[in-house]
N, C-alpha and C. Protein backbone atom coordinates (compact mmCIF):
# COMPACT_ATOMS: atom_id res chain seq x y z
N UNK A 1 13.66 -17.64 -32.10
CA UNK A 1 13.98 -18.61 -31.08
C UNK A 1 13.94 -17.93 -29.71
N UNK A 2 13.17 -18.48 -28.81
CA UNK A 2 13.10 -17.89 -27.47
C UNK A 2 14.03 -18.65 -26.53
N UNK A 3 14.57 -17.90 -25.59
CA UNK A 3 15.45 -18.50 -24.59
C UNK A 3 14.61 -18.78 -23.35
N UNK A 4 14.67 -20.01 -22.92
CA UNK A 4 13.89 -20.39 -21.75
C UNK A 4 14.76 -20.29 -20.51
N UNK A 5 14.30 -19.51 -19.55
CA UNK A 5 15.02 -19.40 -18.29
C UNK A 5 14.50 -20.44 -17.33
N UNK A 6 15.40 -21.06 -16.65
CA UNK A 6 15.02 -22.01 -15.62
C UNK A 6 14.54 -21.23 -14.41
N UNK A 7 13.42 -21.61 -13.83
CA UNK A 7 12.95 -20.90 -12.64
C UNK A 7 13.99 -20.97 -11.53
N UNK A 8 14.08 -19.88 -10.77
CA UNK A 8 15.03 -19.88 -9.66
C UNK A 8 14.51 -20.78 -8.55
N UNK A 9 15.44 -21.42 -7.89
CA UNK A 9 15.08 -22.31 -6.79
C UNK A 9 14.89 -21.49 -5.52
N UNK A 10 14.18 -22.05 -4.53
CA UNK A 10 14.04 -21.34 -3.25
C UNK A 10 15.39 -20.98 -2.63
N UNK A 11 16.37 -21.85 -2.79
CA UNK A 11 17.70 -21.56 -2.23
C UNK A 11 18.32 -20.34 -2.90
N UNK A 12 18.09 -20.15 -4.19
CA UNK A 12 18.62 -18.98 -4.89
C UNK A 12 17.85 -17.72 -4.47
N UNK A 13 16.57 -17.85 -4.23
CA UNK A 13 15.76 -16.70 -3.86
C UNK A 13 16.11 -16.17 -2.47
N UNK A 14 16.62 -17.02 -1.59
CA UNK A 14 16.98 -16.59 -0.25
C UNK A 14 17.99 -15.45 -0.30
N UNK A 15 18.87 -15.48 -1.25
CA UNK A 15 19.89 -14.45 -1.36
C UNK A 15 19.49 -13.28 -2.23
N UNK A 16 18.26 -13.25 -2.70
CA UNK A 16 17.82 -12.18 -3.59
C UNK A 16 17.83 -10.84 -2.86
N UNK A 17 18.23 -9.81 -3.54
CA UNK A 17 18.26 -8.45 -2.99
C UNK A 17 17.30 -7.58 -3.79
N UNK A 18 16.45 -6.80 -3.11
CA UNK A 18 15.55 -5.90 -3.85
C UNK A 18 16.35 -4.77 -4.47
N UNK A 19 15.76 -4.13 -5.44
CA UNK A 19 16.38 -2.96 -6.04
C UNK A 19 16.36 -1.81 -5.06
N UNK A 20 16.89 -0.66 -5.47
CA UNK A 20 16.91 0.49 -4.56
C UNK A 20 15.50 0.99 -4.25
N UNK A 21 15.36 1.56 -3.06
CA UNK A 21 14.06 2.09 -2.63
C UNK A 21 13.70 3.33 -3.43
N UNK A 22 12.41 3.54 -3.59
CA UNK A 22 11.91 4.78 -4.17
C UNK A 22 11.01 5.42 -3.10
N UNK A 23 10.39 6.52 -3.42
CA UNK A 23 9.60 7.24 -2.42
C UNK A 23 8.16 7.39 -2.86
N UNK A 24 7.24 7.18 -1.89
CA UNK A 24 5.83 7.53 -2.08
C UNK A 24 5.53 8.64 -1.06
N UNK A 25 4.45 9.33 -1.26
CA UNK A 25 4.07 10.42 -0.37
C UNK A 25 2.85 9.98 0.43
N UNK A 26 2.93 10.04 1.76
CA UNK A 26 1.79 9.71 2.61
C UNK A 26 1.44 10.92 3.46
N UNK A 27 0.29 11.50 3.20
CA UNK A 27 -0.18 12.68 3.93
C UNK A 27 0.90 13.75 4.01
N UNK A 28 1.61 13.96 2.89
CA UNK A 28 2.62 15.00 2.82
C UNK A 28 3.99 14.60 3.34
N UNK A 29 4.13 13.36 3.72
CA UNK A 29 5.39 12.85 4.30
C UNK A 29 6.01 11.84 3.35
N UNK A 30 7.31 11.96 3.02
CA UNK A 30 7.94 10.97 2.16
C UNK A 30 8.11 9.64 2.89
N UNK A 31 7.77 8.56 2.21
CA UNK A 31 7.90 7.21 2.77
C UNK A 31 8.69 6.36 1.78
N UNK A 32 9.79 5.75 2.21
CA UNK A 32 10.54 4.88 1.29
C UNK A 32 9.78 3.58 1.05
N UNK A 33 9.92 3.06 -0.15
CA UNK A 33 9.27 1.79 -0.50
C UNK A 33 10.22 0.98 -1.37
N UNK A 34 10.40 -0.26 -1.04
CA UNK A 34 11.23 -1.14 -1.85
C UNK A 34 10.43 -1.65 -3.05
N UNK A 35 11.07 -1.92 -4.16
CA UNK A 35 10.36 -2.45 -5.33
C UNK A 35 9.62 -3.74 -4.97
N UNK A 36 8.38 -3.84 -5.42
CA UNK A 36 7.58 -5.03 -5.17
C UNK A 36 6.74 -4.96 -3.91
N UNK A 37 7.00 -4.01 -3.04
CA UNK A 37 6.20 -3.89 -1.83
C UNK A 37 4.87 -3.23 -2.15
N UNK A 38 3.86 -3.63 -1.41
CA UNK A 38 2.57 -2.96 -1.53
C UNK A 38 2.63 -1.65 -0.76
N UNK A 39 1.65 -0.80 -1.00
CA UNK A 39 1.57 0.45 -0.25
C UNK A 39 1.44 0.16 1.23
N UNK A 40 0.58 -0.80 1.59
CA UNK A 40 0.40 -1.15 3.00
C UNK A 40 1.72 -1.61 3.63
N UNK A 41 2.49 -2.42 2.94
CA UNK A 41 3.77 -2.91 3.47
C UNK A 41 4.76 -1.77 3.65
N UNK A 42 4.77 -0.82 2.71
CA UNK A 42 5.67 0.33 2.83
C UNK A 42 5.29 1.17 4.04
N UNK A 43 3.99 1.38 4.25
CA UNK A 43 3.54 2.16 5.41
C UNK A 43 3.88 1.45 6.71
N UNK A 44 3.62 0.15 6.76
CA UNK A 44 3.95 -0.64 7.95
C UNK A 44 5.44 -0.55 8.26
N UNK A 45 6.27 -0.67 7.23
CA UNK A 45 7.72 -0.64 7.43
C UNK A 45 8.18 0.68 8.05
N UNK A 46 7.42 1.74 7.84
CA UNK A 46 7.74 3.05 8.44
C UNK A 46 7.06 3.26 9.78
N UNK A 47 6.36 2.24 10.28
CA UNK A 47 5.69 2.35 11.56
C UNK A 47 4.33 3.01 11.50
N UNK A 48 3.81 3.19 10.29
CA UNK A 48 2.48 3.78 10.12
C UNK A 48 1.47 2.64 10.13
N UNK A 49 0.60 2.61 11.12
CA UNK A 49 -0.30 1.48 11.29
C UNK A 49 -1.75 1.78 10.91
N UNK A 50 -2.11 3.04 10.73
CA UNK A 50 -3.49 3.40 10.38
C UNK A 50 -3.48 4.46 9.29
N UNK A 51 -4.36 4.28 8.29
CA UNK A 51 -4.49 5.26 7.20
C UNK A 51 -5.92 5.35 6.71
N UNK A 52 -6.85 5.00 7.57
CA UNK A 52 -8.28 5.15 7.29
C UNK A 52 -8.99 5.31 8.60
N UNK A 53 -10.11 6.05 8.59
CA UNK A 53 -10.97 6.12 9.77
C UNK A 53 -12.34 5.57 9.38
N UNK A 54 -13.03 5.00 10.36
CA UNK A 54 -14.34 4.42 10.09
C UNK A 54 -15.38 5.50 9.90
N UNK A 55 -16.46 5.16 9.18
CA UNK A 55 -17.55 6.11 8.94
C UNK A 55 -18.23 6.50 10.24
N UNK A 56 -18.43 5.54 11.11
CA UNK A 56 -19.11 5.80 12.38
C UNK A 56 -18.05 5.75 13.48
N UNK A 57 -17.86 6.85 14.15
CA UNK A 57 -16.92 6.89 15.27
C UNK A 57 -15.52 7.35 14.92
N UNK A 58 -15.16 7.34 13.64
CA UNK A 58 -13.84 7.80 13.23
C UNK A 58 -12.68 7.01 13.81
N UNK A 59 -12.90 5.71 14.02
CA UNK A 59 -11.84 4.87 14.59
C UNK A 59 -10.77 4.56 13.53
N UNK A 60 -9.49 4.51 13.94
CA UNK A 60 -8.41 4.28 12.97
C UNK A 60 -8.38 2.83 12.48
N UNK A 61 -8.02 2.68 11.22
CA UNK A 61 -7.88 1.36 10.60
C UNK A 61 -6.65 1.35 9.71
N UNK A 62 -6.10 0.17 9.50
CA UNK A 62 -4.97 -0.05 8.60
C UNK A 62 -5.12 -1.43 8.00
N UNK A 63 -4.02 -2.08 7.71
CA UNK A 63 -4.09 -3.43 7.14
C UNK A 63 -4.52 -4.42 8.22
N UNK A 64 -5.40 -5.34 7.85
CA UNK A 64 -5.84 -6.37 8.79
C UNK A 64 -5.58 -7.75 8.18
N UNK A 65 -6.25 -8.05 7.07
CA UNK A 65 -6.11 -9.39 6.48
C UNK A 65 -4.91 -9.49 5.55
N UNK A 66 -4.58 -8.41 4.87
CA UNK A 66 -3.43 -8.41 3.97
C UNK A 66 -3.67 -9.07 2.62
N UNK A 67 -4.91 -9.50 2.35
CA UNK A 67 -5.19 -10.16 1.08
C UNK A 67 -6.39 -9.54 0.35
N UNK A 68 -6.81 -8.36 0.76
CA UNK A 68 -7.86 -7.64 0.06
C UNK A 68 -9.28 -8.04 0.36
N UNK A 69 -9.50 -8.79 1.42
CA UNK A 69 -10.84 -9.27 1.74
C UNK A 69 -11.57 -8.35 2.71
N UNK A 70 -10.86 -7.80 3.70
CA UNK A 70 -11.53 -7.09 4.78
C UNK A 70 -11.80 -5.61 4.50
N UNK A 71 -11.10 -4.99 3.60
CA UNK A 71 -11.26 -3.58 3.23
C UNK A 71 -10.89 -2.61 4.36
N UNK A 72 -10.17 -3.06 5.38
CA UNK A 72 -9.72 -2.14 6.43
C UNK A 72 -8.59 -1.25 5.93
N UNK A 73 -7.88 -1.65 4.90
CA UNK A 73 -6.70 -0.91 4.43
C UNK A 73 -7.01 0.14 3.38
N UNK A 74 -8.27 0.52 3.22
CA UNK A 74 -8.62 1.49 2.19
C UNK A 74 -7.94 2.83 2.43
N UNK A 75 -7.52 3.45 1.34
CA UNK A 75 -6.94 4.79 1.38
C UNK A 75 -7.21 5.45 0.04
N UNK A 76 -6.95 6.73 -0.02
CA UNK A 76 -7.04 7.45 -1.29
C UNK A 76 -5.65 7.43 -1.91
N UNK A 77 -5.55 6.84 -3.10
CA UNK A 77 -4.26 6.70 -3.78
C UNK A 77 -4.33 7.46 -5.10
N UNK A 78 -3.45 8.41 -5.25
CA UNK A 78 -3.41 9.25 -6.45
C UNK A 78 -4.78 9.84 -6.79
N UNK A 79 -5.48 10.29 -5.74
CA UNK A 79 -6.78 10.94 -5.91
C UNK A 79 -7.96 9.99 -6.03
N UNK A 80 -7.72 8.69 -6.02
CA UNK A 80 -8.81 7.70 -6.14
C UNK A 80 -9.13 7.13 -4.77
N UNK A 81 -10.33 7.36 -4.24
CA UNK A 81 -10.68 6.83 -2.91
C UNK A 81 -10.94 5.33 -2.97
N UNK A 82 -10.97 4.72 -1.80
CA UNK A 82 -11.35 3.31 -1.62
C UNK A 82 -10.42 2.33 -2.32
N UNK A 83 -9.12 2.60 -2.29
CA UNK A 83 -8.14 1.69 -2.87
C UNK A 83 -7.58 0.77 -1.79
N UNK A 84 -7.57 -0.54 -2.08
CA UNK A 84 -7.06 -1.52 -1.12
C UNK A 84 -5.53 -1.51 -1.17
N UNK A 85 -4.92 -0.87 -0.19
CA UNK A 85 -3.47 -0.68 -0.20
C UNK A 85 -2.68 -1.97 -0.02
N UNK A 86 -3.32 -3.01 0.47
CA UNK A 86 -2.61 -4.28 0.63
C UNK A 86 -2.43 -5.00 -0.71
N UNK A 87 -3.13 -4.52 -1.74
CA UNK A 87 -3.03 -5.16 -3.06
C UNK A 87 -2.30 -4.31 -4.10
N UNK A 88 -2.09 -3.03 -3.80
CA UNK A 88 -1.53 -2.12 -4.80
C UNK A 88 -0.03 -1.97 -4.59
N UNK A 89 0.78 -2.30 -5.60
CA UNK A 89 2.22 -2.08 -5.46
C UNK A 89 2.52 -0.59 -5.33
N UNK A 90 3.44 -0.25 -4.45
CA UNK A 90 3.87 1.13 -4.29
C UNK A 90 4.75 1.50 -5.48
N UNK A 91 4.36 2.55 -6.18
CA UNK A 91 5.12 3.00 -7.35
C UNK A 91 5.75 4.35 -7.05
N UNK A 92 6.90 4.62 -7.64
CA UNK A 92 7.55 5.91 -7.37
C UNK A 92 6.60 7.08 -7.63
N UNK A 93 6.53 7.99 -6.65
CA UNK A 93 5.70 9.18 -6.81
C UNK A 93 4.25 9.01 -6.43
N UNK A 94 3.82 7.82 -6.03
CA UNK A 94 2.42 7.65 -5.60
C UNK A 94 2.11 8.60 -4.44
N UNK A 95 0.89 9.13 -4.45
CA UNK A 95 0.43 9.98 -3.36
C UNK A 95 -0.71 9.26 -2.65
N UNK A 96 -0.50 9.00 -1.37
CA UNK A 96 -1.47 8.27 -0.55
C UNK A 96 -1.93 9.22 0.56
N UNK A 97 -3.26 9.31 0.72
CA UNK A 97 -3.79 10.14 1.80
C UNK A 97 -4.74 9.32 2.66
N UNK A 98 -4.75 9.68 3.94
CA UNK A 98 -5.66 9.02 4.88
C UNK A 98 -7.08 9.21 4.39
N UNK A 99 -7.82 8.13 4.41
CA UNK A 99 -9.21 8.19 3.97
C UNK A 99 -10.11 8.29 5.18
N UNK A 100 -10.95 9.31 5.19
CA UNK A 100 -11.89 9.49 6.28
C UNK A 100 -13.26 8.99 5.86
N UNK A 101 -13.79 8.05 6.66
CA UNK A 101 -15.12 7.51 6.38
C UNK A 101 -15.19 6.79 5.05
N UNK A 102 -16.14 7.18 4.22
CA UNK A 102 -16.39 6.49 2.96
C UNK A 102 -15.46 6.96 1.85
N UNK A 103 -14.64 7.97 2.11
CA UNK A 103 -13.65 8.42 1.12
C UNK A 103 -14.18 9.37 0.07
N UNK A 104 -15.42 9.81 0.20
CA UNK A 104 -16.01 10.70 -0.78
C UNK A 104 -16.61 11.89 -0.08
N UNK A 105 -15.80 12.92 0.16
CA UNK A 105 -16.28 14.11 0.85
C UNK A 105 -17.36 14.84 0.06
N UNK A 106 -17.40 14.58 -1.26
CA UNK A 106 -18.37 15.26 -2.10
C UNK A 106 -19.77 14.61 -2.05
N UNK A 107 -19.90 13.47 -1.38
CA UNK A 107 -21.18 12.80 -1.28
C UNK A 107 -21.83 13.07 0.06
N UNK A 108 -23.09 13.37 0.05
CA UNK A 108 -23.83 13.53 1.31
C UNK A 108 -24.31 12.17 1.75
N UNK A 109 -24.04 11.83 2.97
CA UNK A 109 -24.43 10.50 3.47
C UNK A 109 -25.49 10.66 4.53
């Protein structure tokens, strides 16, 4: 027999409190992140607005659309380049590094 939970109402959600913050690492710097926040949201909350540079010109980029369409928020996450940080939940111990250009230093362009 399964127990069915009634969905919480918007009024109940207003008082919801997140769990305790955990830490991710951004370019060697600890950044607190609340449970459920994306990597981009955690970086923004710490005042970090750019974590990628463009291929041409090296201009700084960060989150723009926030829904994974524009790809401005790309970063290297746990050694994997080209990760859309606006879509990836921040998990304890994640390592995020600024992505330069295409994110693959081993490729000749």
